[in-house]
Every structure is written in C-alpha cells, then in structure tokens.
Amino acid sequence: MAKVKDGDTIKIHYTGKLADGTVVDSTHEREPMQFAVGTGQVIPGVDKAVVGMAPGESKTVKLAADDAFGPRQDKMVFKLEKDKLPDGLTLENGRQLQYTPEKGPKRVLTIINVTDKNVTLDGNHPLAGKDLTFDLELVAIA
C-alpha cells in the first residue's frame, strides 16, 4: 500500500486541540483538507507527521508551539494612532482586522486595547505560543 512522502498531494481529516482538550479546529464537519506535503502549506508538525502514513490510517500527534504556529513574538504587538485607521471602523477588543502590506502575504491583526488616541494591535497568530494536539486521519493520496 502507498505511503505518504514529500511532494505527495494528500487529503486529511484533522481535529486540533489545546492542552486542556478544547477543540480549536476540525475538518470533520466539512471536506477534508488537501495539501502538498513538504511545501509549507500547513504547520510544520502536521507536515512531518503525515509522512509514512497510509490511506485510512489515523494517528495523534502532540506538537510543541515551535512545530505548530510558532512562539509568540512581542515585536508583533504594536500601537497605532487611531487616525491612521479607516474612518468608521468599529474599534473593540478582540476584533480582527486584515492588513495587506506592500510586500508579503495578508496579515490578521487582533485589537487588544483601545484608548482615546491609540489602538494596540497583535499580529501574532491566535494559537502562537500554544502546544497543540492533532488527531489526524489520512483520507487519500491524490
């Protein structure tokens, strides 16, 4: 039976959980996720974990933050004057904003503090710095 190797395009179902068991994402209520192994399309720990799996096989992997969404980076938290943001924007803690820099991919910024003059934004992924557990099921090698 074929086993996954770098460069294969595969389909998986997964459930990702925090250390306390809280589910943060799952494909089980939607189509399986498809990606090319070893190309950086998914977090490193999942990319590595699927290598050697056969269709129909399942496994559970525990990933340290470095193999998931990486460590939290203080430099990704910054203040911006309110007048630098678009007019009419609702500014509230927890709201996420999309930002497209001149170079590079779109970024999601989360508002973490609002004052009279400034807004503090966090560019870290919401799961950065967290260890995760993934239940993986290889559906197919395309």
Protein backbone atom coordinates (compact mmCIF):
# COMPACT_ATOMS: atom_id res chain seq x y z
CA MET A 1 0.00 0.00 0.00
CA ALA A 2 1.23 3.50 -0.84
CA LYS A 3 2.58 5.68 1.96
CA VAL A 4 2.84 9.46 2.07
CA LYS A 5 6.14 11.01 1.02
CA ASP A 6 7.31 14.59 0.46
CA GLY A 7 5.72 16.10 -2.63
CA ASP A 8 2.55 13.98 -2.47
CA THR A 9 -0.78 15.79 -2.53
CA ILE A 10 -2.97 14.33 0.19
CA LYS A 11 -6.34 14.74 1.85
CA ILE A 12 -6.67 14.54 5.63
CA HIS A 13 -9.29 14.98 8.29
CA TYR A 14 -7.98 16.51 11.50
CA THR A 15 -9.04 17.79 14.88
CA GLY A 16 -6.72 20.27 16.60
CA LYS A 17 -6.92 20.70 20.38
CA LEU A 18 -5.32 22.80 23.10
CA ALA A 19 -3.57 21.12 26.03
CA ASP A 20 -6.82 21.23 28.05
CA GLY A 21 -8.71 19.37 25.28
CA THR A 22 -10.52 22.41 23.86
CA VAL A 23 -11.07 21.86 20.12
CA VAL A 24 -9.72 24.79 18.09
CA ASP A 25 -10.45 23.44 14.60
CA SER A 26 -11.71 20.32 12.89
CA THR A 27 -12.47 19.22 9.33
CA HIS A 28 -14.91 16.51 10.35
CA GLU A 29 -17.96 18.66 9.57
CA ARG A 30 -16.59 19.71 6.17
CA GLU A 31 -14.47 18.43 3.30
CA PRO A 32 -11.03 17.02 4.16
CA MET A 33 -8.10 19.41 3.86
CA GLN A 34 -5.91 18.91 0.78
CA PHE A 35 -2.27 19.98 0.64
CA ALA A 36 1.08 19.08 -0.87
CA VAL A 37 3.37 17.50 1.73
CA GLY A 38 6.67 19.25 2.43
CA THR A 39 5.74 22.54 0.77
CA GLY A 40 4.93 24.58 3.90
CA GLN A 41 1.19 24.77 3.21
CA VAL A 42 0.40 23.52 6.73
CA ILE A 43 2.08 23.87 10.11
CA PRO A 44 5.43 22.03 10.34
CA GLY A 45 4.37 19.38 12.84
CA VAL A 46 1.43 18.21 10.74
CA ASP A 47 3.57 18.29 7.58
CA LYS A 48 6.09 15.96 9.25
CA ALA A 49 3.51 13.73 10.97
CA VAL A 50 1.74 12.62 7.79
CA VAL A 51 4.91 11.28 6.13
CA GLY A 52 4.77 7.48 6.12
CA MET A 53 1.00 7.26 6.74
CA ALA A 54 -1.17 5.05 4.51
CA PRO A 55 -4.73 5.87 3.41
CA GLY A 56 -7.20 5.02 6.18
CA GLU A 57 -4.53 5.31 8.88
CA SER A 58 -5.06 7.58 11.91
CA LYS A 59 -2.65 8.95 14.49
CA THR A 60 -2.47 11.51 17.27
CA VAL A 61 0.49 13.88 17.48
CA LYS A 62 1.43 16.34 20.22
CA LEU A 63 3.11 19.44 18.86
CA ALA A 64 5.19 21.95 20.77
CA ALA A 65 4.41 25.57 19.83
CA ASP A 66 7.53 25.69 17.61
CA ASP A 67 6.11 22.91 15.41
CA ALA A 68 2.62 24.45 15.41
CA PHE A 69 2.09 28.21 14.99
CA GLY A 70 5.43 29.22 16.48
CA PRO A 71 6.24 31.19 19.61
CA ARG A 72 4.51 34.47 20.48
CA GLN A 73 6.63 37.40 19.38
CA ASP A 74 6.50 40.63 21.38
CA LYS A 75 7.58 42.59 18.29
CA MET A 76 4.25 41.62 16.65
CA VAL A 77 2.35 43.70 19.24
CA PHE A 78 2.30 47.43 18.47
CA LYS A 79 0.40 50.67 19.00
CA LEU A 80 -1.12 52.67 16.18
CA GLU A 81 -2.72 56.09 16.35
CA LYS A 82 -6.48 55.86 15.77
CA ASP A 83 -6.34 58.43 12.95
CA LYS A 84 -4.16 56.00 10.94
CA LEU A 85 -7.10 53.56 10.70
CA PRO A 86 -10.01 53.86 8.23
CA ASP A 87 -12.90 56.10 9.31
CA GLY A 88 -15.98 54.35 10.64
CA LEU A 89 -14.11 51.25 11.79
CA THR A 90 -15.55 49.75 14.98
CA LEU A 91 -12.69 49.52 17.45
CA GLU A 92 -13.25 46.88 20.12
CA ASN A 93 -11.01 44.38 21.89
CA GLY A 94 -10.93 41.01 20.14
CA ARG A 95 -11.93 42.36 16.73
CA GLN A 96 -9.73 41.12 13.91
CA LEU A 97 -8.60 43.31 11.02
CA GLN A 98 -6.99 42.25 7.75
CA TYR A 99 -3.91 44.13 6.64
CA THR A 100 -2.14 43.75 3.30
CA PRO A 101 1.42 45.08 3.40
CA GLU A 102 3.15 46.32 0.23
CA LYS A 103 5.27 43.16 0.31
CA GLY A 104 4.22 39.82 1.70
CA PRO A 105 1.00 38.00 2.47
CA LYS A 106 -2.14 39.35 4.13
CA ARG A 107 -1.92 39.56 7.90
CA VAL A 108 -4.63 39.33 10.50
CA LEU A 109 -4.28 41.81 13.36
CA THR A 110 -6.29 41.49 16.59
CA ILE A 111 -7.25 44.58 18.57
CA ILE A 112 -6.13 44.04 22.16
CA ASN A 113 -6.50 47.54 23.63
CA VAL A 114 -8.24 50.79 22.69
CA THR A 115 -7.53 54.18 24.29
CA ASP A 116 -8.66 57.70 23.39
CA LYS A 117 -5.75 58.13 20.95
CA ASN A 118 -4.29 54.71 20.20
CA VAL A 119 -5.16 51.14 19.31
CA THR A 120 -2.88 48.26 20.32
CA LEU A 121 -2.76 45.51 17.70
CA ASP A 122 -1.41 41.96 17.93
CA GLY A 123 -0.11 40.39 14.72
CA ASN A 124 0.62 37.01 16.31
CA HIS A 125 -1.50 34.06 15.20
CA PRO A 126 -4.12 33.43 17.92
CA LEU A 127 -2.55 29.99 18.57
CA ALA A 128 1.07 31.22 18.63
CA GLY A 129 2.89 30.05 21.75
CA LYS A 130 0.47 27.19 22.39
CA ASP A 131 1.22 23.47 22.37
CA LEU A 132 -1.38 21.57 20.35
CA THR A 133 -2.57 18.01 19.82
CA PHE A 134 -3.80 16.88 16.42
CA ASP A 135 -5.84 13.78 15.64
CA LEU A 136 -5.02 13.03 12.00
CA GLU A 137 -6.71 10.67 9.54
CA LEU A 138 -5.26 10.19 6.08
CA VAL A 139 -8.20 10.07 3.68
CA ALA A 140 -6.32 9.78 0.38
CA ILE A 141 -3.10 10.27 -1.52
CA ALA A 142 -4.18 12.18 -4.62
